[in-house]
Amino acid sequence: MRILALMSGGLDSSMAAVRLLDRGDDVVGVTYRLVGGRSHDDPVDLAAGVARHLGIEHHLVDLSATFEEEVLAPLAAAYAAGVTPNPCVLCNPAVKLAAAVELARRMECDRLATGHYARVDHSGPTPRLLRGLDRSKDQSYFLYRVPQSTLAQLELPLGESSKQEVRAEAQRRGLQVWNRPESQDVCFGEAREMVELVAARHPEAGEPGEIVDGSGRVLGVHPGIGGFTVGQRRGLGIGGGPALYVIRIDPEERRVVVGPRDSLATRTLHLRECIWRQEGPDRGLTVMPRYRSAPLPCMVQREGSQASVHLDETLYGGAPGQSAVVYEGDTVVGGGFIAAGEG
């Protein structure tokens, strides 16, 4: 089988390509350039080096314009409006995998592959997206919005392994990236903090404003709302006294409203722009209201593209813009973007 493997220059995508080769597949490596410029230890160079080491075909594809349009621009607009989406949730279906489907067609590949720690069950009439066996690394959350047609072509060679197993295997193979550290937000380029990304596109989100409590009493000054998210405790810069959390962001007044943890108490999450992979059931489910949060037992009430997720226990947080992903056991049922929480 001829498979297009997305290679970011990191450990996981490199080992995904290795495992496909071990299986006897004809592997074509593809690396995306998502932001302009180059940096030290450039991921593109690392991916090309791994491809040479493995003796596979490798291509570099510039997706920077698409990445700006589909991820950076809406991400910055959302932060400027006081909501905080997850960039990987936006990017995977709209940029990386959407481009991979077209590239696979042009390069006459039968399927495509990534290094995500998740699984796809191809045994039934329709594919099922499943959690990775390594719960500490499971990345099914980031893939919940991937279309079923794309899922049908997707291979995830690392889904049944732990990160430790993958790293040890890469070391045994002499892979140059075996000891690469975990990377976060690597797609945004070197030293590109979120607040800078937002302020560059929406200067008003980088303007100072007041930090106030629920009664409007001024507690301090912040450097811009683009650096805050609901539920945040650290980095508020107001010090002393009892612990305070961001409970609301008011973009029109450039205010960050803080309060005690109890102010975040939520028993119902209201979702927008939902996608569902299967009809029902609506009970016996769990939900992850953010990546790496503990799955919470819930009941889901679906209303077209909207839904209400009723939690069996209190959640402290639930940031608007984040994704709430719903599971039945290990199977991803669907989910949507958090519009609001209700106590």
Protein backbone atom coordinates (compact mmCIF):
# COMPACT_ATOMS: atom_id res chain seq x y z
CA MET A 1 0.00 0.00 0.00
CA ARG A 2 1.23 3.49 -0.85
CA ILE A 3 0.76 5.85 2.10
CA LEU A 4 1.32 9.58 2.48
CA ALA A 5 2.89 10.21 5.90
CA LEU A 6 2.77 13.70 7.42
CA MET A 7 6.22 14.35 8.94
CA SER A 8 6.65 17.35 11.24
CA GLY A 9 10.29 16.70 12.11
CA GLY A 10 9.41 15.37 15.56
CA LEU A 11 9.69 11.95 17.13
CA ASP A 12 6.10 10.80 16.73
CA SER A 13 5.55 11.47 13.04
CA SER A 14 8.99 10.05 12.25
CA MET A 15 8.20 6.81 14.07
CA ALA A 16 4.81 6.60 12.37
CA ALA A 17 6.68 6.53 9.04
CA VAL A 18 9.07 3.88 10.38
CA ARG A 19 6.21 1.60 11.40
CA LEU A 20 4.57 1.92 8.01
CA LEU A 21 7.84 0.89 6.38
CA ASP A 22 8.11 -2.07 8.75
CA ARG A 23 4.67 -3.13 7.60
CA GLY A 24 5.90 -3.14 4.01
CA ASP A 25 4.14 0.00 2.81
CA ASP A 26 5.50 2.39 0.18
CA VAL A 27 5.81 5.59 2.23
CA VAL A 28 5.83 9.14 0.85
CA GLY A 29 6.83 11.78 3.42
CA VAL A 30 5.29 15.25 3.34
CA THR A 31 6.24 18.20 5.54
CA TYR A 32 4.28 21.45 5.73
CA ARG A 33 5.67 24.96 6.02
CA LEU A 34 3.00 26.68 8.08
CA VAL A 35 4.70 29.95 9.06
CA GLY A 36 7.24 32.04 7.23
CA GLY A 37 10.93 32.15 7.99
CA ARG A 38 13.33 29.58 9.32
CA SER A 39 14.68 28.90 12.77
CA HIS A 40 17.51 27.06 14.45
CA ASP A 41 16.84 23.33 14.52
CA ASP A 42 14.24 23.87 11.79
CA PRO A 43 11.58 21.09 11.80
CA VAL A 44 11.56 21.00 8.00
CA ASP A 45 15.27 20.18 7.93
CA LEU A 46 14.77 17.53 10.62
CA ALA A 47 11.94 15.89 8.68
CA ALA A 48 13.97 15.89 5.48
CA GLY A 49 16.90 14.33 7.36
CA VAL A 50 14.70 11.55 8.75
CA ALA A 51 13.28 10.88 5.27
CA ARG A 52 16.82 10.55 3.86
CA HIS A 53 17.75 8.21 6.72
CA LEU A 54 14.72 6.05 5.96
CA GLY A 55 15.30 6.22 2.21
CA ILE A 56 11.82 7.49 1.39
CA GLU A 57 10.49 10.11 -0.99
CA HIS A 58 9.97 13.49 0.72
CA HIS A 59 8.14 16.67 -0.26
CA LEU A 60 7.87 20.14 1.30
CA VAL A 61 4.52 21.89 0.85
CA ASP A 62 3.92 25.55 1.73
CA LEU A 63 0.58 25.92 3.50
CA SER A 64 1.35 29.24 5.19
CA ALA A 65 -1.45 31.14 3.41
CA THR A 66 -4.03 28.48 4.27
CA PHE A 67 -2.75 28.30 7.85
CA GLU A 68 -3.14 32.05 8.23
CA GLU A 69 -6.67 32.02 6.81
CA GLU A 70 -8.00 28.91 8.53
CA VAL A 71 -6.17 28.98 11.88
CA LEU A 72 -4.21 32.11 12.80
CA ALA A 73 -6.77 34.71 11.70
CA PRO A 74 -9.81 33.05 13.35
CA LEU A 75 -7.73 32.17 16.42
CA ALA A 76 -6.64 35.79 16.86
CA ALA A 77 -10.17 37.06 16.28
CA ALA A 78 -11.52 34.65 18.88
CA TYR A 79 -8.96 35.67 21.52
CA ALA A 80 -9.70 39.34 20.80
CA ALA A 81 -13.37 38.56 21.43
CA GLY A 82 -12.57 36.94 24.78
CA VAL A 83 -12.84 33.26 23.79
CA THR A 84 -10.04 30.72 23.55
CA PRO A 85 -10.25 27.94 20.94
CA ASN A 86 -7.65 25.20 20.68
CA PRO A 87 -5.51 25.80 17.56
CA CYS A 88 -4.91 22.09 16.86
CA VAL A 89 -8.65 21.42 16.80
CA LEU A 90 -8.97 24.10 14.10
CA CYS A 91 -5.90 23.04 12.15
CA ASN A 92 -6.23 19.28 11.80
CA PRO A 93 -9.48 19.12 9.78
CA ALA A 94 -9.16 22.43 7.91
CA VAL A 95 -5.45 22.53 7.06
CA LYS A 96 -3.21 19.53 7.68
CA LEU A 97 -5.55 16.67 6.89
CA ALA A 98 -7.56 18.56 4.27
CA ALA A 99 -4.35 19.20 2.34
CA ALA A 100 -3.19 15.62 2.91
CA VAL A 101 -6.32 14.21 1.28
CA GLU A 102 -5.68 16.23 -1.87
CA LEU A 103 -1.95 15.44 -1.87
CA ALA A 104 -2.67 11.73 -1.45
CA ARG A 105 -4.95 11.86 -4.47
CA ARG A 106 -2.35 13.67 -6.61
CA MET A 107 0.49 11.38 -5.49
CA GLU A 108 -1.64 8.26 -6.02
CA CYS A 109 -1.47 7.24 -2.36
CA ASP A 110 -4.05 4.83 -0.99
CA ARG A 111 -4.12 6.27 2.52
CA LEU A 112 -2.54 8.93 4.72
CA ALA A 113 -0.94 8.73 8.17
CA THR A 114 0.02 10.93 11.12
CA GLY A 115 1.82 10.43 14.42
CA HIS A 116 -1.20 11.14 16.63
CA TYR A 117 -1.73 8.94 19.67
CA ALA A 118 -5.25 7.84 18.75
CA ARG A 119 -6.81 4.94 16.87
CA VAL A 120 -9.15 4.44 13.92
CA ASP A 121 -11.26 1.29 13.76
CA HIS A 122 -11.78 0.44 10.09
CA SER A 123 -13.54 -2.89 10.73
CA GLY A 124 -17.15 -1.67 10.50
CA PRO A 125 -19.22 -0.02 7.77
CA THR A 126 -18.00 3.40 8.93
CA PRO A 127 -14.69 4.25 10.65
CA ARG A 128 -14.66 4.93 14.39
CA LEU A 129 -12.24 7.33 16.05
CA LEU A 130 -10.93 5.88 19.33
CA ARG A 131 -8.78 7.10 22.18
CA GLY A 132 -5.14 6.09 22.17
CA LEU A 133 -4.22 3.30 24.58
CA ASP A 134 -1.74 5.59 26.35
CA ARG A 135 -4.22 7.73 28.28
CA SER A 136 -1.50 10.19 29.31
CA LYS A 137 -0.81 10.95 25.64
CA ASP A 138 -4.19 10.33 23.96
CA GLN A 139 -4.78 12.90 21.19
CA SER A 140 -8.21 11.88 19.91
CA TYR A 141 -9.46 15.21 21.33
CA PHE A 142 -7.62 17.06 18.55
CA LEU A 143 -9.20 14.92 15.81
CA TYR A 144 -12.87 14.98 16.77
CA ARG A 145 -13.81 17.38 13.95
CA VAL A 146 -12.05 15.42 11.19
CA PRO A 147 -14.65 14.44 8.54
CA GLN A 148 -15.65 10.79 8.28
CA SER A 149 -14.47 10.71 4.66
CA THR A 150 -10.98 11.72 5.82
CA LEU A 151 -11.07 9.34 8.75
CA ALA A 152 -11.73 6.50 6.31
CA GLN A 153 -8.31 7.15 4.74
CA LEU A 154 -6.41 7.72 7.98
CA GLU A 155 -3.78 5.44 9.54
CA LEU A 156 -2.52 6.12 13.09
CA PRO A 157 0.43 3.76 13.66
CA LEU A 158 1.16 4.94 17.22
CA GLY A 159 -2.31 4.58 18.69
CA GLU A 160 -1.61 1.37 20.57
CA SER A 161 1.77 2.45 21.98
CA SER A 162 2.98 4.63 24.81
CA LYS A 163 5.29 7.58 24.31
CA GLN A 164 8.00 5.77 26.26
CA GLU A 165 7.77 2.75 23.95
CA VAL A 166 7.97 4.94 20.86
CA ARG A 167 10.99 6.87 22.15
CA ALA A 168 12.82 3.69 23.14
CA GLU A 169 12.14 2.16 19.73
CA ALA A 170 13.43 5.28 17.97
CA GLN A 171 16.62 5.15 20.03
CA ARG A 172 17.18 1.50 19.14
CA ARG A 173 16.71 2.39 15.45
CA GLY A 174 19.26 5.18 15.69
CA LEU A 175 16.71 7.79 14.63
CA GLN A 176 18.25 11.24 14.99
CA VAL A 177 15.11 12.70 16.57
CA TRP A 178 14.72 10.02 19.25
CA ASN A 179 15.51 12.44 22.10
CA ARG A 180 13.59 15.44 20.78
CA PRO A 181 11.66 17.04 23.68
CA GLU A 182 7.89 17.40 23.65
CA SER A 183 6.89 20.46 21.67
CA GLN A 184 3.87 22.69 22.11
CA ASP A 185 2.59 25.21 19.60
CA VAL A 186 5.53 24.33 17.32
CA CYS A 187 3.40 25.35 14.35
CA PHE A 188 3.47 28.99 15.42
CA GLY A 189 7.22 29.27 14.99
CA GLU A 190 9.96 30.13 17.42
CA ALA A 191 9.24 32.63 20.26
CA ARG A 192 5.73 33.40 19.03
CA GLU A 193 3.68 33.73 22.15
CA MET A 194 -0.08 33.74 21.82
CA VAL A 195 -0.47 37.28 23.13
CA GLU A 196 1.91 38.57 20.43
CA LEU A 197 0.11 36.60 17.73
CA VAL A 198 -3.24 38.08 18.75
CA ALA A 199 -2.01 41.66 19.21
CA ALA A 200 -0.35 41.66 15.79
CA ARG A 201 -3.73 41.05 14.14
CA HIS A 202 -5.98 42.79 16.66
CA PRO A 203 -4.01 45.58 18.37
CA GLU A 204 -6.90 46.35 20.70
CA ALA A 205 -6.44 42.92 22.33
CA GLY A 206 -2.92 43.95 23.31
CA GLU A 207 -3.93 47.20 24.98
CA PRO A 208 -3.80 47.44 28.80
CA GLY A 209 -6.99 47.22 30.80
CA GLU A 210 -8.34 46.65 34.27
CA ILE A 211 -8.51 43.47 36.30
CA VAL A 212 -11.64 43.70 38.43
CA ASP A 213 -13.59 41.51 40.83
CA GLY A 214 -17.24 40.57 40.39
CA SER A 215 -18.40 43.87 41.91
CA GLY A 216 -16.24 45.93 39.55
CA ARG A 217 -13.56 46.84 42.11
CA VAL A 218 -10.22 47.38 40.36
CA LEU A 219 -7.54 44.96 41.56
CA GLY A 220 -4.83 45.59 39.00
CA VAL A 221 -3.91 46.22 35.38
CA HIS A 222 -3.29 43.66 32.64
CA PRO A 223 -1.22 44.05 29.41
CA GLY A 224 -3.98 42.84 27.06
CA ILE A 225 -6.93 40.43 27.10
CA GLY A 226 -5.23 38.25 24.47
CA GLY A 227 -3.18 36.62 27.20
CA PHE A 228 -6.06 35.38 29.35
CA THR A 229 -8.54 32.53 29.37
CA VAL A 230 -11.47 31.65 31.63
CA GLY A 231 -10.34 29.44 34.49
CA GLN A 232 -6.79 30.84 34.51
CA ARG A 233 -5.20 31.29 37.92
CA ARG A 234 -1.50 31.91 37.31
CA GLY A 235 -0.03 35.02 35.74
CA LEU A 236 -2.73 37.44 36.82
CA GLY A 237 -0.18 39.78 38.39
CA ILE A 238 -2.35 40.85 41.29
CA GLY A 239 -0.70 38.78 44.08
CA GLY A 240 -1.62 38.41 47.74
CA GLY A 241 -4.93 37.44 49.27
CA PRO A 242 -7.06 34.39 48.43
CA ALA A 243 -6.66 32.55 45.12
CA LEU A 244 -8.50 34.24 42.26
CA TYR A 245 -9.40 32.91 38.82
CA VAL A 246 -10.46 34.50 35.55
CA ILE A 247 -14.23 34.09 35.46
CA ARG A 248 -15.07 36.34 32.52
CA ILE A 249 -13.39 38.44 29.82
CA ASP A 250 -15.08 41.65 28.67
CA PRO A 251 -13.50 42.59 25.33
CA GLU A 252 -15.51 45.80 24.86
CA GLU A 253 -14.26 47.26 28.14
CA ARG A 254 -10.91 45.42 27.90
CA ARG A 255 -11.61 44.05 31.37
CA VAL A 256 -10.59 40.76 32.93
CA VAL A 257 -13.03 39.77 35.67
CA VAL A 258 -11.70 37.53 38.44
CA GLY A 259 -13.26 35.73 41.37
CA PRO A 260 -13.00 32.75 43.70
CA ARG A 261 -12.98 29.19 42.35
CA ASP A 262 -16.65 28.70 43.23
CA SER A 263 -17.50 31.40 40.68
CA LEU A 264 -16.46 28.91 37.97
CA ALA A 265 -18.79 26.13 39.13
CA THR A 266 -20.58 24.62 36.13
CA ARG A 267 -23.01 21.71 35.80
CA THR A 268 -24.11 22.32 32.19
CA LEU A 269 -22.02 23.18 29.13
CA HIS A 270 -23.78 24.76 26.15
CA LEU A 271 -22.07 23.88 22.86
CA ARG A 272 -22.16 25.39 19.38
CA GLU A 273 -21.08 24.16 15.94
CA CYS A 274 -21.37 20.55 17.04
CA ILE A 275 -20.45 17.54 14.93
CA TRP A 276 -21.65 14.03 15.76
CA ARG A 277 -20.19 10.77 14.49
CA GLN A 278 -23.16 8.65 15.53
CA GLU A 279 -26.78 8.98 16.58
CA GLY A 280 -27.31 8.48 20.32
CA PRO A 281 -27.02 7.28 22.92
CA ASP A 282 -27.26 10.44 24.96
CA ARG A 283 -26.53 8.78 28.30
CA GLY A 284 -23.65 6.70 29.62
CA LEU A 285 -21.20 9.18 28.09
CA THR A 286 -18.20 11.16 29.25
CA VAL A 287 -16.93 14.56 28.16
CA MET A 288 -13.50 16.20 28.08
CA PRO A 289 -14.04 19.98 28.34
CA ARG A 290 -10.38 20.67 27.48
CA TYR A 291 -7.35 18.66 26.39
CA ARG A 292 -6.01 16.37 29.13
CA SER A 293 -8.88 17.13 31.47
CA ALA A 294 -10.37 14.19 33.34
CA PRO A 295 -13.34 12.68 31.47
CA LEU A 296 -16.54 13.62 33.29
CA PRO A 297 -19.73 11.49 33.24
CA CYS A 298 -22.49 13.34 31.44
CA MET A 299 -25.77 13.29 29.54
CA VAL A 300 -26.05 15.07 26.19
CA GLN A 301 -29.09 16.89 24.86
CA ARG A 302 -28.65 17.50 21.12
CA GLU A 303 -30.39 20.36 19.31
CA GLY A 304 -29.17 20.43 15.72
CA SER A 305 -25.76 22.10 15.59
CA GLN A 306 -26.07 22.98 19.27
CA ALA A 307 -26.10 20.81 22.37
CA SER A 308 -26.26 20.94 26.14
CA VAL A 309 -23.97 18.67 28.13
CA HIS A 310 -25.31 17.98 31.60
CA LEU A 311 -22.54 16.91 33.98
CA ASP A 312 -22.91 14.40 36.79
CA GLU A 313 -20.45 16.41 38.87
CA THR A 314 -19.38 20.03 39.12
CA LEU A 315 -16.81 21.36 36.67
CA TYR A 316 -14.78 24.40 37.72
CA GLY A 317 -14.13 26.14 34.42
CA GLY A 318 -15.28 25.40 30.92
CA ALA A 319 -13.66 28.19 28.90
CA PRO A 320 -15.74 29.60 26.03
CA GLY A 321 -14.15 28.62 22.71
CA GLN A 322 -12.56 25.42 24.00
CA SER A 323 -13.87 22.13 22.63
CA ALA A 324 -15.91 19.73 24.71
CA VAL A 325 -15.39 16.26 23.22
CA VAL A 326 -17.88 13.51 24.03
CA TYR A 327 -16.98 9.82 24.33
CA GLU A 328 -18.82 6.53 24.67
CA GLY A 329 -16.16 4.41 26.29
CA ASP A 330 -13.13 4.84 24.03
CA THR A 331 -15.16 5.94 21.00
CA VAL A 332 -15.39 9.61 20.03
CA VAL A 333 -19.09 10.42 19.69
CA GLY A 334 -18.56 14.06 18.71
CA GLY A 335 -18.55 17.44 20.38
CA GLY A 336 -18.52 21.15 19.84
CA PHE A 337 -17.19 24.51 20.96
CA ILE A 338 -18.17 25.70 24.44
CA ALA A 339 -20.44 28.73 24.16
CA ALA A 340 -21.20 29.11 27.86
CA GLY A 341 -21.36 27.25 31.14
CA GLU A 342 -24.23 27.20 33.59
CA GLY A 343 -24.13 26.44 37.31
